[in-house]
Amino acid sequence: MPGFQELLVIGVVALLLFGPDRLPELARNAGQLLAKLRTETSRNVEELGRMSELQELRRELGQLRREIDGAAGDVRRSAGRAVSGGAGRGGGGGAAPGAPPGRPP
């Protein structure tokens, strides 16, 4: 950041170059330009923040999908074992469908 003396020199040079009539207009335009620059910079920083959050959410979503796929695979394997294990044990004889377990028909 320039000090007071540097700003004074810049002001005197600008006054000599542009004259007292155009200097206020140039200062106003410079202020408007700086305001636009700040607005755009702020908007871009916010956009980068949203993109970063979105990438994090996508990463978490991928992790959740992998966990769900793993759990679904575990359920399928357990159900497959239960179905194949139950069919081999009964051998066709046993309680009638709907009869309480442990009581022959």
PDB file of N, CA and C in Angstrom:
ATOM      1  N   MET A   1       0.856  -1.173   0.000  1.00  0.00           N
ATOM      2  CA  MET A   1       0.000   0.000   0.000  1.00  0.00           C
ATOM      3  C   MET A   1       0.903   1.238   0.000  1.00  0.00           C
ATOM      4  N   PRO A   2       0.637   2.140  -0.928  1.00  0.00           N
ATOM      5  CA  PRO A   2       1.474   3.342  -0.987  1.00  0.00           C
ATOM      6  C   PRO A   2       1.229   4.238   0.232  1.00  0.00           C
ATOM      7  N   GLY A   3       2.286   4.905   0.640  1.00  0.00           N
ATOM      8  CA  GLY A   3       2.185   5.830   1.766  1.00  0.00           C
ATOM      9  C   GLY A   3       1.617   7.177   1.334  1.00  0.00           C
ATOM     10  N   PHE A   4       1.576   8.114   2.291  1.00  0.00           N
ATOM     11  CA  PHE A   4       0.989   9.426   2.009  1.00  0.00           C
ATOM     12  C   PHE A   4       1.776  10.174   0.938  1.00  0.00           C
ATOM     13  N   GLN A   5       3.089  10.129   1.006  1.00  0.00           N
ATOM     14  CA  GLN A   5       3.910  10.869   0.046  1.00  0.00           C
ATOM     15  C   GLN A   5       3.720  10.329  -1.373  1.00  0.00           C
ATOM     16  N   GLU A   6       3.650   9.007  -1.505  1.00  0.00           N
ATOM     17  CA  GLU A   6       3.442   8.419  -2.836  1.00  0.00           C
ATOM     18  C   GLU A   6       2.090   8.835  -3.405  1.00  0.00           C
ATOM     19  N   LEU A   7       1.058   8.810  -2.539  1.00  0.00           N
ATOM     20  CA  LEU A   7      -0.276   9.221  -3.000  1.00  0.00           C
ATOM     21  C   LEU A   7      -0.288  10.699  -3.403  1.00  0.00           C
ATOM     22  N   LEU A   8       0.429  11.513  -2.672  1.00  0.00           N
ATOM     23  CA  LEU A   8       0.494  12.937  -2.999  1.00  0.00           C
ATOM     24  C   LEU A   8       1.161  13.139  -4.358  1.00  0.00           C
ATOM     25  N   VAL A   9       2.240  12.431  -4.608  1.00  0.00           N
ATOM     26  CA  VAL A   9       2.935  12.543  -5.892  1.00  0.00           C
ATOM     27  C   VAL A   9       2.022  12.073  -7.028  1.00  0.00           C
ATOM     28  N   ILE A  10       1.327  10.954  -6.819  1.00  0.00           N
ATOM     29  CA  ILE A  10       0.402  10.445  -7.844  1.00  0.00           C
ATOM     30  C   ILE A  10      -0.696  11.467  -8.124  1.00  0.00           C
ATOM     31  N   GLY A  11      -1.232  12.076  -7.065  1.00  0.00           N
ATOM     32  CA  GLY A  11      -2.281  13.087  -7.229  1.00  0.00           C
ATOM     33  C   GLY A  11      -1.799  14.303  -8.001  1.00  0.00           C
ATOM     34  N   VAL A  12      -0.605  14.770  -7.709  1.00  0.00           N
ATOM     35  CA  VAL A  12      -0.055  15.949  -8.407  1.00  0.00           C
ATOM     36  C   VAL A  12       0.188  15.618  -9.878  1.00  0.00           C
ATOM     37  N   VAL A  13       0.752  14.450 -10.150  1.00  0.00           N
ATOM     38  CA  VAL A  13       1.011  14.062 -11.544  1.00  0.00           C
ATOM     39  C   VAL A  13      -0.314  13.935 -12.298  1.00  0.00           C
ATOM     40  N   ALA A  14      -1.330  13.315 -11.680  1.00  0.00           N
ATOM     41  CA  ALA A  14      -2.635  13.187 -12.333  1.00  0.00           C
ATOM     42  C   ALA A  14      -3.239  14.561 -12.590  1.00  0.00           C
ATOM     43  N   LEU A  15      -3.101  15.460 -11.651  1.00  0.00           N
ATOM     44  CA  LEU A  15      -3.630  16.817 -11.832  1.00  0.00           C
ATOM     45  C   LEU A  15      -2.939  17.516 -12.995  1.00  0.00           C
ATOM     46  N   LEU A  16      -1.632  17.338 -13.117  1.00  0.00           N
ATOM     47  CA  LEU A  16      -0.900  17.957 -14.216  1.00  0.00           C
ATOM     48  C   LEU A  16      -1.247  17.330 -15.565  1.00  0.00           C
ATOM     49  N   LEU A  17      -1.432  15.988 -15.576  1.00  0.00           N
ATOM     50  CA  LEU A  17      -1.718  15.301 -16.839  1.00  0.00           C
ATOM     51  C   LEU A  17      -3.135  15.560 -17.342  1.00  0.00           C
ATOM     52  N   PHE A  18      -4.097  15.468 -16.461  1.00  0.00           N
ATOM     53  CA  PHE A  18      -5.497  15.511 -16.897  1.00  0.00           C
ATOM     54  C   PHE A  18      -6.186  16.839 -16.638  1.00  0.00           C
ATOM     55  N   GLY A  19      -5.628  17.664 -15.802  1.00  0.00           N
ATOM     56  CA  GLY A  19      -6.230  18.965 -15.526  1.00  0.00           C
ATOM     57  C   GLY A  19      -7.316  18.858 -14.477  1.00  0.00           C
ATOM     58  N   PRO A  20      -7.667  19.991 -13.907  1.00  0.00           N
ATOM     59  CA  PRO A  20      -8.657  20.000 -12.819  1.00  0.00           C
ATOM     60  C   PRO A  20     -10.092  19.703 -13.291  1.00  0.00           C
ATOM     61  N   ASP A  21     -10.351  19.852 -14.580  1.00  0.00           N
ATOM     62  CA  ASP A  21     -11.712  19.608 -15.066  1.00  0.00           C
ATOM     63  C   ASP A  21     -12.027  18.127 -15.204  1.00  0.00           C
ATOM     64  N   ARG A  22     -11.070  17.340 -15.700  1.00  0.00           N
ATOM     65  CA  ARG A  22     -11.326  15.917 -15.960  1.00  0.00           C
ATOM     66  C   ARG A  22     -10.987  15.022 -14.767  1.00  0.00           C
ATOM     67  N   LEU A  23     -10.246  15.538 -13.818  1.00  0.00           N
ATOM     68  CA  LEU A  23      -9.790  14.712 -12.699  1.00  0.00           C
ATOM     69  C   LEU A  23     -10.951  14.134 -11.872  1.00  0.00           C
ATOM     70  N   PRO A  24     -11.991  14.912 -11.530  1.00  0.00           N
ATOM     71  CA  PRO A  24     -13.103  14.316 -10.764  1.00  0.00           C
ATOM     72  C   PRO A  24     -13.815  13.197 -11.538  1.00  0.00           C
ATOM     73  N   GLU A  25     -13.971  13.386 -12.833  1.00  0.00           N
ATOM     74  CA  GLU A  25     -14.618  12.355 -13.662  1.00  0.00           C
ATOM     75  C   GLU A  25     -13.775  11.076 -13.690  1.00  0.00           C
ATOM     76  N   LEU A  26     -12.468  11.235 -13.845  1.00  0.00           N
ATOM     77  CA  LEU A  26     -11.579  10.070 -13.851  1.00  0.00           C
ATOM     78  C   LEU A  26     -11.588   9.354 -12.503  1.00  0.00           C
ATOM     79  N   ALA A  27     -11.615  10.114 -11.432  1.00  0.00           N
ATOM     80  CA  ALA A  27     -11.653   9.507 -10.099  1.00  0.00           C
ATOM     81  C   ALA A  27     -12.962   8.740  -9.896  1.00  0.00           C
ATOM     82  N   ARG A  28     -14.068   9.315 -10.363  1.00  0.00           N
ATOM     83  CA  ARG A  28     -15.366   8.646 -10.258  1.00  0.00           C
ATOM     84  C   ARG A  28     -15.361   7.339 -11.056  1.00  0.00           C
ATOM     85  N   ASN A  29     -14.843   7.399 -12.282  1.00  0.00           N
ATOM     86  CA  ASN A  29     -14.770   6.196 -13.115  1.00  0.00           C
ATOM     87  C   ASN A  29     -13.873   5.135 -12.481  1.00  0.00           C
ATOM     88  N   ALA A  30     -12.760   5.574 -11.907  1.00  0.00           N
ATOM     89  CA  ALA A  30     -11.860   4.626 -11.240  1.00  0.00           C
ATOM     90  C   ALA A  30     -12.556   3.978 -10.044  1.00  0.00           C
ATOM     91  N   GLY A  31     -13.322   4.760  -9.301  1.00  0.00           N
ATOM     92  CA  GLY A  31     -14.080   4.211  -8.162  1.00  0.00           C
ATOM     93  C   GLY A  31     -15.115   3.194  -8.612  1.00  0.00           C
ATOM     94  N   GLN A  32     -15.823   3.508  -9.695  1.00  0.00           N
ATOM     95  CA  GLN A  32     -16.819   2.569 -10.218  1.00  0.00           C
ATOM     96  C   GLN A  32     -16.156   1.280 -10.707  1.00  0.00           C
ATOM     97  N   LEU A  33     -15.011   1.425 -11.351  1.00  0.00           N
ATOM     98  CA  LEU A  33     -14.273   0.259 -11.825  1.00  0.00           C
ATOM     99  C   LEU A  33     -13.827  -0.621 -10.658  1.00  0.00           C
ATOM    100  N   LEU A  34     -13.331   0.023  -9.608  1.00  0.00           N
ATOM    101  CA  LEU A  34     -12.920  -0.744  -8.426  1.00  0.00           C
ATOM    102  C   LEU A  34     -14.113  -1.436  -7.772  1.00  0.00           C
ATOM    103  N   ALA A  35     -15.259  -0.780  -7.736  1.00  0.00           N
ATOM    104  CA  ALA A  35     -16.456  -1.400  -7.157  1.00  0.00           C
ATOM    105  C   ALA A  35     -16.875  -2.625  -7.969  1.00  0.00           C
ATOM    106  N   LYS A  36     -16.845  -2.518  -9.290  1.00  0.00           N
ATOM    107  CA  LYS A  36     -17.181  -3.669 -10.136  1.00  0.00           C
ATOM    108  C   LYS A  36     -16.188  -4.811  -9.935  1.00  0.00           C
ATOM    109  N   LEU A  37     -14.919  -4.437  -9.821  1.00  0.00           N
ATOM    110  CA  LEU A  37     -13.876  -5.439  -9.608  1.00  0.00           C
ATOM    111  C   LEU A  37     -14.099  -6.180  -8.291  1.00  0.00           C
ATOM    112  N   ARG A  38     -14.420  -5.443  -7.244  1.00  0.00           N
ATOM    113  CA  ARG A  38     -14.699  -6.074  -5.944  1.00  0.00           C
ATOM    114  C   ARG A  38     -15.911  -6.991  -6.029  1.00  0.00           C
ATOM    115  N   THR A  39     -16.964  -6.535  -6.704  1.00  0.00           N
ATOM    116  CA  THR A  39     -18.178  -7.342  -6.839  1.00  0.00           C
ATOM    117  C   THR A  39     -17.883  -8.646  -7.575  1.00  0.00           C
ATOM    118  N   GLU A  40     -17.189  -8.548  -8.684  1.00  0.00           N
ATOM    119  CA  GLU A  40     -16.862  -9.739  -9.469  1.00  0.00           C
ATOM    120  C   GLU A  40     -15.945 -10.680  -8.695  1.00  0.00           C
ATOM    121  N   THR A  41     -14.980 -10.122  -7.987  1.00  0.00           N
ATOM    122  CA  THR A  41     -14.080 -10.946  -7.193  1.00  0.00           C
ATOM    123  C   THR A  41     -14.855 -11.680  -6.110  1.00  0.00           C
ATOM    124  N   SER A  42     -15.745 -10.968  -5.446  1.00  0.00           N
ATOM    125  CA  SER A  42     -16.569 -11.584  -4.404  1.00  0.00           C
ATOM    126  C   SER A  42     -17.442 -12.692  -4.986  1.00  0.00           C
ATOM    127  N   ARG A  43     -18.038 -12.435  -6.133  1.00  0.00           N
ATOM    128  CA  ARG A  43     -18.887 -13.431  -6.785  1.00  0.00           C
ATOM    129  C   ARG A  43     -18.070 -14.672  -7.162  1.00  0.00           C
ATOM    130  N   ASN A  44     -16.874 -14.462  -7.679  1.00  0.00           N
ATOM    131  CA  ASN A  44     -16.029 -15.594  -8.069  1.00  0.00           C
ATOM    132  C   ASN A  44     -15.577 -16.401  -6.861  1.00  0.00           C
ATOM    133  N   VAL A  45     -15.269 -15.733  -5.767  1.00  0.00           N
ATOM    134  CA  VAL A  45     -14.878 -16.452  -4.547  1.00  0.00           C
ATOM    135  C   VAL A  45     -16.052 -17.298  -4.043  1.00  0.00           C
ATOM    136  N   GLU A  46     -17.258 -16.738  -4.064  1.00  0.00           N
ATOM    137  CA  GLU A  46     -18.441 -17.499  -3.643  1.00  0.00           C
ATOM    138  C   GLU A  46     -18.667 -18.701  -4.554  1.00  0.00           C
ATOM    139  N   GLU A  47     -18.502 -18.515  -5.849  1.00  0.00           N
ATOM    140  CA  GLU A  47     -18.684 -19.608  -6.809  1.00  0.00           C
ATOM    141  C   GLU A  47     -17.661 -20.714  -6.559  1.00  0.00           C
ATOM    142  N   LEU A  48     -16.423 -20.342  -6.301  1.00  0.00           N
ATOM    143  CA  LEU A  48     -15.398 -21.344  -5.998  1.00  0.00           C
ATOM    144  C   LEU A  48     -15.746 -22.103  -4.721  1.00  0.00           C
ATOM    145  N   GLY A  49     -16.279 -21.408  -3.740  1.00  0.00           N
ATOM    146  CA  GLY A  49     -16.709 -22.069  -2.499  1.00  0.00           C
ATOM    147  C   GLY A  49     -17.827 -23.063  -2.753  1.00  0.00           C
ATOM    148  N   ARG A  50     -18.793 -22.673  -3.584  1.00  0.00           N
ATOM    149  CA  ARG A  50     -19.892 -23.589  -3.912  1.00  0.00           C
ATOM    150  C   ARG A  50     -19.386 -24.801  -4.685  1.00  0.00           C
ATOM    151  N   MET A  51     -18.440 -24.583  -5.595  1.00  0.00           N
ATOM    152  CA  MET A  51     -17.888 -25.697  -6.356  1.00  0.00           C
ATOM    153  C   MET A  51     -17.131 -26.654  -5.439  1.00  0.00           C
ATOM    154  N   SER A  52     -16.422 -26.104  -4.482  1.00  0.00           N
ATOM    155  CA  SER A  52     -15.694 -26.934  -3.524  1.00  0.00           C
ATOM    156  C   SER A  52     -16.671 -27.764  -2.690  1.00  0.00           C
ATOM    157  N   GLU A  53     -17.756 -27.144  -2.235  1.00  0.00           N
ATOM    158  CA  GLU A  53     -18.779 -27.867  -1.473  1.00  0.00           C
ATOM    159  C   GLU A  53     -19.415 -28.949  -2.330  1.00  0.00           C
ATOM    160  N   LEU A  54     -19.655 -28.644  -3.598  1.00  0.00           N
ATOM    161  CA  LEU A  54     -20.262 -29.612  -4.498  1.00  0.00           C
ATOM    162  C   LEU A  54     -19.342 -30.804  -4.704  1.00  0.00           C
ATOM    163  N   GLN A  55     -18.053 -30.566  -4.848  1.00  0.00           N
ATOM    164  CA  GLN A  55     -17.107 -31.673  -5.002  1.00  0.00           C
ATOM    165  C   GLN A  55     -17.086 -32.535  -3.746  1.00  0.00           C
ATOM    166  N   GLU A  56     -17.150 -31.913  -2.588  1.00  0.00           N
ATOM    167  CA  GLU A  56     -17.162 -32.673  -1.333  1.00  0.00           C
ATOM    168  C   GLU A  56     -18.438 -33.515  -1.240  1.00  0.00           C
ATOM    169  N   LEU A  57     -19.574 -32.941  -1.619  1.00  0.00           N
ATOM    170  CA  LEU A  57     -20.833 -33.684  -1.593  1.00  0.00           C
ATOM    171  C   LEU A  57     -20.799 -34.850  -2.580  1.00  0.00           C
ATOM    172  N   ARG A  58     -20.209 -34.648  -3.748  1.00  0.00           N
ATOM    173  CA  ARG A  58     -20.090 -35.742  -4.722  1.00  0.00           C
ATOM    174  C   ARG A  58     -19.212 -36.858  -4.175  1.00  0.00           C
ATOM    175  N   ARG A  59     -18.124 -36.485  -3.505  1.00  0.00           N
ATOM    176  CA  ARG A  59     -17.247 -37.479  -2.902  1.00  0.00           C
ATOM    177  C   ARG A  59     -17.999 -38.284  -1.839  1.00  0.00           C
ATOM    178  N   GLU A  60     -18.757 -37.582  -0.986  1.00  0.00           N
ATOM    179  CA  GLU A  60     -19.534 -38.260   0.049  1.00  0.00           C
ATOM    180  C   GLU A  60     -20.606 -39.153  -0.570  1.00  0.00           C
ATOM    181  N   LEU A  61     -21.246 -38.680  -1.647  1.00  0.00           N
ATOM    182  CA  LEU A  61     -22.257 -39.479  -2.325  1.00  0.00           C
ATOM    183  C   LEU A  61     -21.653 -40.760  -2.895  1.00  0.00           C
ATOM    184  N   GLY A  62     -20.487 -40.663  -3.489  1.00  0.00           N
ATOM    185  CA  GLY A  62     -19.810 -41.849  -4.005  1.00  0.00           C
ATOM    186  C   GLY A  62     -19.493 -42.834  -2.900  1.00  0.00           C
ATOM    187  N   GLN A  63     -19.052 -42.324  -1.760  1.00  0.00           N
ATOM    188  CA  GLN A  63     -18.747 -43.190  -0.626  1.00  0.00           C
ATOM    189  C   GLN A  63     -20.024 -43.867  -0.123  1.00  0.00           C
ATOM    190  N   LEU A  64     -21.115 -43.119  -0.028  1.00  0.00           N
ATOM    191  CA  LEU A  64     -22.382 -43.705   0.414  1.00  0.00           C
ATOM    192  C   LEU A  64     -22.872 -44.767  -0.568  1.00  0.00           C
ATOM    193  N   ARG A  65     -22.709 -44.511  -1.860  1.00  0.00           N
ATOM    194  CA  ARG A  65     -23.115 -45.505  -2.863  1.00  0.00           C
ATOM    195  C   ARG A  65     -22.316 -46.793  -2.710  1.00  0.00           C
ATOM    196  N   ARG A  66     -21.011 -46.656  -2.471  1.00  0.00           N
ATOM    197  CA  ARG A  66     -20.183 -47.853  -2.274  1.00  0.00           C
ATOM    198  C   ARG A  66     -20.624 -48.616  -1.032  1.00  0.00           C
ATOM    199  N   GLU A  67     -20.930 -47.890   0.042  1.00  0.00           N
ATOM    200  CA  GLU A  67     -21.389 -48.543   1.265  1.00  0.00           C
ATOM    201  C   GLU A  67     -22.727 -49.247   1.040  1.00  0.00           C
ATOM    202  N   ILE A  68     -23.638 -48.591   0.321  1.00  0.00           N
ATOM    203  CA  ILE A  68     -24.950 -49.194   0.047  1.00  0.00           C
ATOM    204  C   ILE A  68     -24.787 -50.420  -0.842  1.00  0.00           C
ATOM    205  N   ASP A  69     -23.937 -50.324  -1.865  1.00  0.00           N
ATOM    206  CA  ASP A  69     -23.695 -51.475  -2.730  1.00  0.00           C
ATOM    207  C   ASP A  69     -23.112 -52.641  -1.936  1.00  0.00           C
ATOM    208  N   GLY A  70     -22.209 -52.356  -1.024  1.00  0.00           N
ATOM    209  CA  GLY A  70     -21.631 -53.399  -0.186  1.00  0.00           C
ATOM    210  C   GLY A  70     -22.674 -54.032   0.706  1.00  0.00           C
ATOM    211  N   ALA A  71     -23.524 -53.218   1.308  1.00  0.00           N
ATOM    212  CA  ALA A  71     -24.584 -53.743   2.175  1.00  0.00           C
ATOM    213  C   ALA A  71     -25.588 -54.558   1.359  1.00  0.00           C
ATOM    214  N   ALA A  72     -25.919 -54.100   0.161  1.00  0.00           N
ATOM    215  CA  ALA A  72     -26.855 -54.842  -0.689  1.00  0.00           C
ATOM    216  C   ALA A  72     -26.253 -56.186  -1.082  1.00  0.00           C
ATOM    217  N   GLY A  73     -24.965 -56.209  -1.365  1.00  0.00           N
ATOM    218  CA  GLY A  73     -24.295 -57.474  -1.691  1.00  0.00           C
ATOM    219  C   GLY A  73     -24.320 -58.417  -0.502  1.00  0.00           C
ATOM    220  N   ASP A  74     -24.108 -57.883   0.700  1.00  0.00           N
ATOM    221  CA  ASP A  74     -24.173 -58.712   1.905  1.00  0.00           C
ATOM    222  C   ASP A  74     -25.567 -59.297   2.088  1.00  0.00           C
ATOM    223  N   VAL A  75     -26.595 -58.493   1.861  1.00  0.00           N
ATOM    224  CA  VAL A  75     -27.980 -58.968   1.999  1.00  0.00           C
ATOM    225  C   VAL A  75     -28.266 -60.047   0.966  1.00  0.00           C
ATOM    226  N   ARG A  76     -27.822 -59.842  -0.286  1.00  0.00           N
ATOM    227  CA  ARG A  76     -28.048 -60.855  -1.319  1.00  0.00           C
ATOM    228  C   ARG A  76     -27.358 -62.173  -0.966  1.00  0.00           C
ATOM    229  N   ARG A  77     -26.126 -62.086  -0.498  1.00  0.00           N
ATOM    230  CA  ARG A  77     -25.406 -63.306  -0.134  1.00  0.00           C
ATOM    231  C   ARG A  77     -26.083 -64.008   1.034  1.00  0.00           C
ATOM    232  N   SER A  78     -26.513 -63.247   2.039  1.00  0.00           N
ATOM    233  CA  SER A  78     -27.201 -63.847   3.186  1.00  0.00           C
ATOM    234  C   SER A  78     -28.517 -64.481   2.768  1.00  0.00           C
ATOM    235  N   ALA A  79     -29.258 -63.801   1.913  1.00  0.00           N
ATOM    236  CA  ALA A  79     -30.536 -64.347   1.446  1.00  0.00           C
ATOM    237  C   ALA A  79     -30.298 -65.591   0.603  1.00  0.00           C
ATOM    238  N   GLY A  80     -29.277 -65.587  -0.216  1.00  0.00           N
ATOM    239  CA  GLY A  80     -28.956 -66.760  -1.033  1.00  0.00           C
ATOM    240  C   GLY A  80     -28.590 -67.945  -0.170  1.00  0.00           C
ATOM    241  N   ARG A  81     -27.806 -67.714   0.881  1.00  0.00           N
ATOM    242  CA  ARG A  81     -27.448 -68.811   1.790  1.00  0.00           C
ATOM    243  C   ARG A  81     -28.673 -69.319   2.527  1.00  0.00           C
ATOM    244  N   ALA A  82     -29.548 -68.416   2.944  1.00  0.00           N
ATOM    245  CA  ALA A  82     -30.747 -68.833   3.671  1.00  0.00           C
ATOM    246  C   ALA A  82     -31.661 -69.653   2.774  1.00  0.00           C
ATOM    247  N   VAL A  83     -31.821 -69.231   1.525  1.00  0.00           N
ATOM    248  CA  VAL A  83     -32.693 -69.946   0.599  1.00  0.00           C
ATOM    249  C   VAL A  83     -32.090 -71.309   0.261  1.00  0.00           C
ATOM    250  N   SER A  84     -30.820 -71.366  -0.058  1.00  0.00           N
ATOM    251  CA  SER A  84     -30.200 -72.639  -0.426  1.00  0.00           C
ATOM    252  C   SER A  84     -30.046 -73.538   0.794  1.00  0.00           C
ATOM    253  N   GLY A  85     -29.804 -73.018   1.960  1.00  0.00           N
ATOM    254  CA  GLY A  85     -29.678 -73.815   3.170  1.00  0.00           C
ATOM    255  C   GLY A  85     -31.015 -74.363   3.632  1.00  0.00           C
ATOM    256  N   GLY A  86     -32.078 -73.665   3.477  1.00  0.00           N
ATOM    257  CA  GLY A  86     -33.410 -74.113   3.916  1.00  0.00           C
ATOM    258  C   GLY A  86     -33.975 -75.173   3.006  1.00  0.00           C
ATOM    259  N   ALA A  87     -33.710 -75.141   1.704  1.00  0.00           N
ATOM    260  CA  ALA A  87     -34.242 -76.118   0.757  1.00  0.00           C
ATOM    261  C   ALA A  87     -33.554 -77.461   0.939  1.00  0.00           C
ATOM    262  N   GLY A  88     -32.304 -77.489   1.312  1.00  0.00           N
ATOM    263  CA  GLY A  88     -31.561 -78.735   1.453  1.00  0.00           C
ATOM    264  C   GLY A  88     -31.857 -79.438   2.759  1.00  0.00           C
ATOM    265  N   ARG A  89     -32.318 -78.779   3.759  1.00  0.00           N
ATOM    266  CA  ARG A  89     -32.541 -79.381   5.068  1.00  0.00           C
ATOM    267  C   ARG A  89     -33.845 -80.143   5.156  1.00  0.00           C
ATOM    268  N   GLY A  90     -34.899 -79.614   4.598  1.00  0.00           N
ATOM    269  CA  GLY A  90     -36.230 -80.193   4.805  1.00  0.00           C
ATOM    270  C   GLY A  90     -36.397 -81.534   4.142  1.00  0.00           C
ATOM    271  N   GLY A  91     -35.883 -81.748   2.970  1.00  0.00           N
ATOM    272  CA  GLY A  91     -35.995 -83.007   2.266  1.00  0.00           C
ATOM    273  C   GLY A  91     -37.413 -83.352   1.864  1.00  0.00           C
ATOM    274  N   GLY A  92     -38.305 -82.472   1.856  1.00  0.00           N
ATOM    275  CA  GLY A  92     -39.655 -82.735   1.398  1.00  0.00           C
ATOM    276  C   GLY A  92     -40.595 -83.154   2.507  1.00  0.00           C
ATOM    277  N   GLY A  93     -40.150 -83.782   3.568  1.00  0.00           N
ATOM    278  CA  GLY A  93     -41.043 -84.183   4.655  1.00  0.00           C
ATOM    279  C   GLY A  93     -40.991 -83.152   5.739  1.00  0.00           C
ATOM    280  N   GLY A  94     -41.945 -83.115   6.584  1.00  0.00           N
ATOM    281  CA  GLY A  94     -41.932 -82.157   7.670  1.00  0.00           C
ATOM    282  C   GLY A  94     -43.290 -81.531   7.803  1.00  0.00           C
ATOM    283  N   ALA A  95     -43.339 -80.443   8.443  1.00  0.00           N
ATOM    284  CA  ALA A  95     -44.605 -79.778   8.713  1.00  0.00           C
ATOM    285  C   ALA A  95     -45.205 -79.241   7.432  1.00  0.00           C
ATOM    286  N   ALA A  96     -46.492 -79.241   7.404  1.00  0.00           N
ATOM    287  CA  ALA A  96     -47.219 -78.697   6.265  1.00  0.00           C
ATOM    288  C   ALA A  96     -47.077 -77.180   6.277  1.00  0.00           C
ATOM    289  N   PRO A  97     -47.160 -76.566   5.110  1.00  0.00           N
ATOM    290  CA  PRO A  97     -47.075 -75.107   5.076  1.00  0.00           C
ATOM    291  C   PRO A  97     -48.164 -74.502   5.940  1.00  0.00           C
ATOM    292  N   GLY A  98     -47.804 -73.580   6.764  1.00  0.00           N
ATOM    293  CA  GLY A  98     -48.749 -72.902   7.622  1.00  0.00           C
ATOM    294  C   GLY A  98     -48.893 -73.565   8.980  1.00  0.00           C
ATOM    295  N   ALA A  99     -48.390 -74.800   9.166  1.00  0.00           N
ATOM    296  CA  ALA A  99     -48.467 -75.479  10.453  1.00  0.00           C
ATOM    297  C   ALA A  99     -47.385 -74.928  11.359  1.00  0.00           C
ATOM    298  N   PRO A 100     -47.647 -74.897  12.681  1.00  0.00           N
ATOM    299  CA  PRO A 100     -46.614 -74.394  13.580  1.00  0.00           C
ATOM    300  C   PRO A 100     -45.420 -75.340  13.583  1.00  0.00           C
ATOM    301  N   PRO A 101     -44.221 -74.807  13.747  1.00  0.00           N
ATOM    302  CA  PRO A 101     -43.040 -75.647  13.743  1.00  0.00           C
ATOM    303  C   PRO A 101     -43.035 -76.596  14.951  1.00  0.00           C
ATOM    304  N   GLY A 102     -42.517 -77.770  14.729  1.00  0.00           N
ATOM    305  CA  GLY A 102     -42.393 -78.735  15.809  1.00  0.00           C
ATOM    306  C   GLY A 102     -43.594 -79.655  15.951  1.00  0.00           C
ATOM    307  N   ARG A 103     -44.658 -79.417  15.236  1.00  0.00           N
ATOM    308  CA  ARG A 103     -45.853 -80.280  15.292  1.00  0.00           C
ATOM    309  C   ARG A 103     -46.051 -80.951  13.957  1.00  0.00           C
ATOM    310  N   PRO A 104     -46.056 -82.276  13.899  1.00  0.00           N
ATOM    311  CA  PRO A 104     -46.337 -82.931  12.624  1.00  0.00           C
ATOM    312  C   PRO A 104     -47.789 -82.770  12.228  1.00  0.00           C
ATOM    313  N   PRO A 105     -48.097 -82.912  10.948  1.00  0.00           N
ATOM    314  CA  PRO A 105     -49.480 -82.706  10.510  1.00  0.00           C
ATOM    315  C   PRO A 105     -50.412 -83.819  10.926  1.00  0.00           C
TER     316      PRO A 105
END
